[in-house]
Amino acid sequence: MYNSLSIWFSGRPGSGKRTIARYVQEILEYNNIDCEYFQRDTVSKHLDLGPRPLGDGDADAQRLSWLASMLNKHNVNTIVVSPTMKNELAINLRESIPGFCEVFVDTPVEVCSQREGQWAAKAHFEEPEDPELIVYTHDRNIASSVSMVTSYIEQYWDITLDFGEIDLLEEVQTLD
C-alpha cells in the first residue's frame, strides 16, 4: 500500500484549481487509487462549518485541514480545494501530514477576472511562500496542467499512471 497523499489546490477564484483537481481525482480512481475530494461547498453540505465572516477562508482551511489529517492517519488520499490558505497553516500541514503537497494554481488576476468576474480580482488572496508544485493555466491547455500534478504523484509513489479513456480537454479551460 502507498503512503497517502493530501494534495491541496490553492489559487485565486477562476484559476482552474477545481477543474485540475477533478481531473486528478478521475485519473487516480481510473488507476484504482482511492481518494476523497472536498472543498468548503461539498463539506458544508454534510458538516456544519458554522458562521464565518465573508471572505474569511482561514476557518474553512483549518476545518478542511483537520478533516484531511484525520483521513491521512487512516491512509486515505485526499484532494482538497482551498482558495486561500495562510502560509502559517501550510507550514503546520507540512509538519502534521506526511504526504502533504500544496499545488498552487498560479493564474494572473486579469485572467481570473475574465473567468469569474471582477469579484475575483477583489478577493483576498495570499500567495503561498513555498508550494511543492506551481501549475500555470493561463498559457497552456488543461492536459498540460493536469500532467504536472500527475507527474508529481508518479514520482512520489514511483508508479506510472494510466490516463486510459479520460478525455483531457485540449483547450484552455475557463472553469475554476
C-alpha atoms as a PDB file:
ATOM      1  CA  MET A   1       0.000   0.000   0.000  1.00  0.00           C
ATOM      2  CA  TYR A   2       1.188   3.509  -0.791  1.00  0.00           C
ATOM      3  CA  ASN A   3       1.693   6.211   1.799  1.00  0.00           C
ATOM      4  CA  SER A   4      -1.251   8.519   1.467  1.00  0.00           C
ATOM      5  CA  LEU A   5      -1.102  11.912  -0.160  1.00  0.00           C
ATOM      6  CA  SER A   6      -3.000  15.040   0.778  1.00  0.00           C
ATOM      7  CA  ILE A   7      -2.977  17.281  -2.280  1.00  0.00           C
ATOM      8  CA  TRP A   8      -4.120  20.829  -1.621  1.00  0.00           C
ATOM      9  CA  PHE A   9      -5.017  23.033  -4.562  1.00  0.00           C
ATOM     10  CA  SER A  10      -4.770  26.726  -3.789  1.00  0.00           C
ATOM     11  CA  GLY A  11      -5.222  29.686  -6.078  1.00  0.00           C
ATOM     12  CA  ARG A  12      -7.394  32.670  -6.846  1.00  0.00           C
ATOM     13  CA  PRO A  13     -11.054  32.233  -7.794  1.00  0.00           C
ATOM     14  CA  GLY A  14     -11.055  31.394 -11.501  1.00  0.00           C
ATOM     15  CA  SER A  15      -7.531  29.964 -11.548  1.00  0.00           C
ATOM     16  CA  GLY A  16      -8.659  26.463 -12.559  1.00  0.00           C
ATOM     17  CA  LYS A  17      -7.925  24.611  -9.328  1.00  0.00           C
ATOM     18  CA  ARG A  18     -11.272  22.752  -9.176  1.00  0.00           C
ATOM     19  CA  THR A  19     -11.010  21.668 -12.808  1.00  0.00           C
ATOM     20  CA  ILE A  20      -7.487  20.313 -12.333  1.00  0.00           C
ATOM     21  CA  ALA A  21      -8.380  18.658  -9.019  1.00  0.00           C
ATOM     22  CA  ARG A  22     -11.357  16.844 -10.559  1.00  0.00           C
ATOM     23  CA  TYR A  23      -9.244  15.500 -13.422  1.00  0.00           C
ATOM     24  CA  VAL A  24      -6.555  14.339 -10.988  1.00  0.00           C
ATOM     25  CA  GLN A  25      -9.225  12.574  -8.921  1.00  0.00           C
ATOM     26  CA  GLU A  26     -10.601  10.903 -12.044  1.00  0.00           C
ATOM     27  CA  ILE A  27      -7.137   9.704 -13.089  1.00  0.00           C
ATOM     28  CA  LEU A  28      -6.368   8.303  -9.632  1.00  0.00           C
ATOM     29  CA  GLU A  29      -9.679   6.476  -9.487  1.00  0.00           C
ATOM     30  CA  TYR A  30      -9.155   5.124 -13.010  1.00  0.00           C
ATOM     31  CA  ASN A  31      -5.909   3.625 -11.669  1.00  0.00           C
ATOM     32  CA  ASN A  32      -7.744   2.076  -8.689  1.00  0.00           C
ATOM     33  CA  ILE A  33      -6.254   4.583  -6.240  1.00  0.00           C
ATOM     34  CA  ASP A  34      -8.954   5.688  -3.831  1.00  0.00           C
ATOM     35  CA  CYS A  35      -9.119   9.328  -2.893  1.00  0.00           C
ATOM     36  CA  GLU A  36     -11.573  11.725  -1.317  1.00  0.00           C
ATOM     37  CA  TYR A  37     -12.216  15.136  -2.868  1.00  0.00           C
ATOM     38  CA  PHE A  38     -13.538  18.003  -0.820  1.00  0.00           C
ATOM     39  CA  GLN A  39     -13.858  21.740  -0.612  1.00  0.00           C
ATOM     40  CA  ARG A  40     -15.924  24.060   1.535  1.00  0.00           C
ATOM     41  CA  ASP A  41     -19.014  23.766  -0.671  1.00  0.00           C
ATOM     42  CA  THR A  42     -19.108  19.975  -0.590  1.00  0.00           C
ATOM     43  CA  VAL A  43     -18.139  19.610   3.058  1.00  0.00           C
ATOM     44  CA  SER A  44     -20.684  22.178   4.256  1.00  0.00           C
ATOM     45  CA  LYS A  45     -23.491  20.070   2.787  1.00  0.00           C
ATOM     46  CA  HIS A  46     -22.696  17.359   5.318  1.00  0.00           C
ATOM     47  CA  LEU A  47     -20.920  19.111   8.174  1.00  0.00           C
ATOM     48  CA  ASP A  48     -21.885  22.337   9.890  1.00  0.00           C
ATOM     49  CA  LEU A  49     -18.949  24.620   9.319  1.00  0.00           C
ATOM     50  CA  GLY A  50     -20.643  27.358  11.290  1.00  0.00           C
ATOM     51  CA  PRO A  51     -20.760  31.060  10.574  1.00  0.00           C
ATOM     52  CA  ARG A  52     -17.759  32.868   9.221  1.00  0.00           C
ATOM     53  CA  PRO A  53     -17.078  36.442   8.131  1.00  0.00           C
ATOM     54  CA  LEU A  54     -17.467  36.953   4.396  1.00  0.00           C
ATOM     55  CA  GLY A  55     -14.133  36.415   2.677  1.00  0.00           C
ATOM     56  CA  ASP A  56     -12.551  34.669   5.671  1.00  0.00           C
ATOM     57  CA  GLY A  57     -11.140  31.436   4.348  1.00  0.00           C
ATOM     58  CA  ASP A  58      -8.898  30.808   7.368  1.00  0.00           C
ATOM     59  CA  ALA A  59     -11.549  28.995   9.411  1.00  0.00           C
ATOM     60  CA  ASP A  60     -12.550  26.930   6.378  1.00  0.00           C
ATOM     61  CA  ALA A  61      -8.957  25.946   5.647  1.00  0.00           C
ATOM     62  CA  GLN A  62      -8.401  24.946   9.285  1.00  0.00           C
ATOM     63  CA  ARG A  63     -11.505  22.764   9.258  1.00  0.00           C
ATOM     64  CA  LEU A  64     -10.534  21.179   5.953  1.00  0.00           C
ATOM     65  CA  SER A  65      -7.028  20.565   7.307  1.00  0.00           C
ATOM     66  CA  TRP A  66      -8.445  18.761  10.345  1.00  0.00           C
ATOM     67  CA  LEU A  67     -10.553  16.529   8.104  1.00  0.00           C
ATOM     68  CA  ALA A  68      -7.640  15.818   5.738  1.00  0.00           C
ATOM     69  CA  SER A  69      -5.298  14.960   8.624  1.00  0.00           C
ATOM     70  CA  MET A  70      -7.875  12.546  10.115  1.00  0.00           C
ATOM     71  CA  LEU A  71      -8.247  10.768   6.783  1.00  0.00           C
ATOM     72  CA  ASN A  72      -4.475  10.743   6.233  1.00  0.00           C
ATOM     73  CA  LYS A  73      -3.963   8.941   9.551  1.00  0.00           C
ATOM     74  CA  HIS A  74      -6.016   6.096   8.082  1.00  0.00           C
ATOM     75  CA  ASN A  75      -4.074   6.098   4.808  1.00  0.00           C
ATOM     76  CA  VAL A  76      -6.832   7.797   2.807  1.00  0.00           C
ATOM     77  CA  ASN A  77      -5.665  10.047  -0.037  1.00  0.00           C
ATOM     78  CA  THR A  78      -7.289  13.465  -0.104  1.00  0.00           C
ATOM     79  CA  ILE A  79      -7.679  16.152  -2.710  1.00  0.00           C
ATOM     80  CA  VAL A  80      -8.597  19.482  -1.154  1.00  0.00           C
ATOM     81  CA  VAL A  81      -9.550  22.679  -2.954  1.00  0.00           C
ATOM     82  CA  SER A  82      -8.902  25.670  -0.729  1.00  0.00           C
ATOM     83  CA  PRO A  83      -8.798  29.067  -2.431  1.00  0.00           C
ATOM     84  CA  THR A  84      -6.990  30.734   0.442  1.00  0.00           C
ATOM     85  CA  MET A  85      -4.594  29.228   2.891  1.00  0.00           C
ATOM     86  CA  LYS A  86      -2.338  31.209   5.161  1.00  0.00           C
ATOM     87  CA  ASN A  87       1.324  30.326   4.821  1.00  0.00           C
ATOM     88  CA  GLU A  88       1.413  29.526   8.547  1.00  0.00           C
ATOM     89  CA  LEU A  89      -1.306  26.892   8.057  1.00  0.00           C
ATOM     90  CA  ALA A  90       0.581  25.366   5.125  1.00  0.00           C
ATOM     91  CA  ILE A  91       3.695  25.074   7.309  1.00  0.00           C
ATOM     92  CA  ASN A  92       1.662  23.315  10.017  1.00  0.00           C
ATOM     93  CA  LEU A  93       0.137  20.961   7.459  1.00  0.00           C
ATOM     94  CA  ARG A  94       3.566  20.041   6.093  1.00  0.00           C
ATOM     95  CA  GLU A  95       4.608  19.142   9.635  1.00  0.00           C
ATOM     96  CA  SER A  96       1.444  17.215  10.567  1.00  0.00           C
ATOM     97  CA  ILE A  97       0.562  15.430   7.300  1.00  0.00           C
ATOM     98  CA  PRO A  98       3.479  13.364   5.933  1.00  0.00           C
ATOM     99  CA  GLY A  99       2.125  13.296   2.362  1.00  0.00           C
ATOM    100  CA  PHE A 100       1.096  16.961   2.191  1.00  0.00           C
ATOM    101  CA  CYS A 101       1.513  18.628  -1.206  1.00  0.00           C
ATOM    102  CA  GLU A 102       0.394  22.174  -1.949  1.00  0.00           C
ATOM    103  CA  VAL A 103      -0.336  22.769  -5.625  1.00  0.00           C
ATOM    104  CA  PHE A 104      -0.501  26.495  -6.271  1.00  0.00           C
ATOM    105  CA  VAL A 105      -2.552  27.122  -9.406  1.00  0.00           C
ATOM    106  CA  ASP A 106      -0.920  30.377 -10.443  1.00  0.00           C
ATOM    107  CA  THR A 107      -3.051  32.366 -12.849  1.00  0.00           C
ATOM    108  CA  PRO A 108      -2.815  36.138 -13.354  1.00  0.00           C
ATOM    109  CA  VAL A 109      -5.580  38.091 -11.656  1.00  0.00           C
ATOM    110  CA  GLU A 110      -6.643  39.549 -15.032  1.00  0.00           C
ATOM    111  CA  VAL A 111      -7.313  36.044 -16.393  1.00  0.00           C
ATOM    112  CA  CYS A 112      -9.174  35.042 -13.229  1.00  0.00           C
ATOM    113  CA  SER A 113     -11.342  38.158 -13.560  1.00  0.00           C
ATOM    114  CA  GLN A 114     -12.196  37.227 -17.154  1.00  0.00           C
ATOM    115  CA  ARG A 115     -13.186  33.738 -15.999  1.00  0.00           C
ATOM    116  CA  GLU A 116     -15.039  34.593 -12.784  1.00  0.00           C
ATOM    117  CA  GLY A 117     -15.907  38.269 -12.969  1.00  0.00           C
ATOM    118  CA  GLN A 118     -14.457  41.322 -11.259  1.00  0.00           C
ATOM    119  CA  TRP A 119     -15.045  39.974  -7.746  1.00  0.00           C
ATOM    120  CA  ALA A 120     -12.168  37.536  -8.385  1.00  0.00           C
ATOM    121  CA  ALA A 121      -9.784  40.487  -8.558  1.00  0.00           C
ATOM    122  CA  LYS A 122     -11.094  41.831  -5.247  1.00  0.00           C
ATOM    123  CA  ALA A 123     -10.991  38.539  -3.351  1.00  0.00           C
ATOM    124  CA  HIS A 124      -8.337  38.389  -0.630  1.00  0.00           C
ATOM    125  CA  PHE A 125      -5.583  36.013  -1.605  1.00  0.00           C
ATOM    126  CA  GLU A 126      -2.205  35.291  -0.075  1.00  0.00           C
ATOM    127  CA  GLU A 127       0.244  33.668  -2.467  1.00  0.00           C
ATOM    128  CA  PRO A 128       1.933  30.638  -0.943  1.00  0.00           C
ATOM    129  CA  GLU A 129       5.566  31.037   0.041  1.00  0.00           C
ATOM    130  CA  ASP A 130       6.797  27.535  -0.668  1.00  0.00           C
ATOM    131  CA  PRO A 131       4.318  25.290  -2.518  1.00  0.00           C
ATOM    132  CA  GLU A 132       5.519  21.854  -3.561  1.00  0.00           C
ATOM    133  CA  LEU A 133       4.224  22.473  -7.066  1.00  0.00           C
ATOM    134  CA  ILE A 134       3.244  25.533  -9.132  1.00  0.00           C
ATOM    135  CA  VAL A 135       0.855  24.943 -12.015  1.00  0.00           C
ATOM    136  CA  TYR A 136       0.003  27.569 -14.606  1.00  0.00           C
ATOM    137  CA  THR A 137      -3.302  27.526 -16.500  1.00  0.00           C
ATOM    138  CA  HIS A 138      -3.345  30.747 -18.472  1.00  0.00           C
ATOM    139  CA  ASP A 139      -0.766  29.819 -21.098  1.00  0.00           C
ATOM    140  CA  ARG A 140      -1.304  26.082 -21.635  1.00  0.00           C
ATOM    141  CA  ASN A 141      -4.057  23.549 -22.127  1.00  0.00           C
ATOM    142  CA  ILE A 142      -5.702  21.664 -19.276  1.00  0.00           C
ATOM    143  CA  ALA A 143      -3.896  18.416 -20.173  1.00  0.00           C
ATOM    144  CA  SER A 144      -0.520  20.080 -19.561  1.00  0.00           C
ATOM    145  CA  SER A 145      -1.630  21.487 -16.219  1.00  0.00           C
ATOM    146  CA  VAL A 146      -3.054  18.143 -15.060  1.00  0.00           C
ATOM    147  CA  SER A 147       0.086  16.315 -16.236  1.00  0.00           C
ATOM    148  CA  MET A 148       2.232  18.450 -13.953  1.00  0.00           C
ATOM    149  CA  VAL A 149       0.277  17.184 -10.948  1.00  0.00           C
ATOM    150  CA  THR A 150       0.151  13.556 -12.078  1.00  0.00           C
ATOM    151  CA  SER A 151       3.913  13.626 -12.718  1.00  0.00           C
ATOM    152  CA  TYR A 152       4.426  14.724  -9.109  1.00  0.00           C
ATOM    153  CA  ILE A 153       2.239  11.823  -7.922  1.00  0.00           C
ATOM    154  CA  GLU A 154       4.107   9.354 -10.134  1.00  0.00           C
ATOM    155  CA  GLN A 155       7.436  10.457  -8.650  1.00  0.00           C
ATOM    156  CA  TYR A 156       6.061  10.378  -5.096  1.00  0.00           C
ATOM    157  CA  TRP A 157       4.789   6.795  -5.433  1.00  0.00           C
ATOM    158  CA  ASP A 158       7.238   5.623  -8.124  1.00  0.00           C
ATOM    159  CA  ILE A 159       4.391   4.474 -10.369  1.00  0.00           C
ATOM    160  CA  THR A 160       3.068   5.196 -13.839  1.00  0.00           C
ATOM    161  CA  LEU A 161      -0.499   6.438 -14.073  1.00  0.00           C
ATOM    162  CA  ASP A 162      -2.675   5.354 -16.956  1.00  0.00           C
ATOM    163  CA  PHE A 163      -4.977   8.074 -18.326  1.00  0.00           C
ATOM    164  CA  GLY A 164      -6.986   5.433 -20.194  1.00  0.00           C
ATOM    165  CA  GLU A 165     -10.139   6.794 -21.769  1.00  0.00           C
ATOM    166  CA  ILE A 166     -10.109  10.013 -19.752  1.00  0.00           C
ATOM    167  CA  ASP A 167     -10.747  12.901 -22.107  1.00  0.00           C
ATOM    168  CA  LEU A 168      -8.480  15.748 -21.079  1.00  0.00           C
ATOM    169  CA  LEU A 169      -9.596  18.881 -22.824  1.00  0.00           C
ATOM    170  CA  GLU A 170      -7.019  20.205 -25.247  1.00  0.00           C
ATOM    171  CA  GLU A 171      -8.026  23.830 -24.989  1.00  0.00           C
ATOM    172  CA  VAL A 172      -7.511  26.277 -22.147  1.00  0.00           C
ATOM    173  CA  GLN A 173     -10.326  25.773 -19.633  1.00  0.00           C
ATOM    174  CA  THR A 174     -12.285  28.662 -18.222  1.00  0.00           C
ATOM    175  CA  LEU A 175     -13.697  26.754 -15.279  1.00  0.00           C
ATOM    176  CA  ASP A 176     -12.471  27.004 -11.694  1.00  0.00           C
END
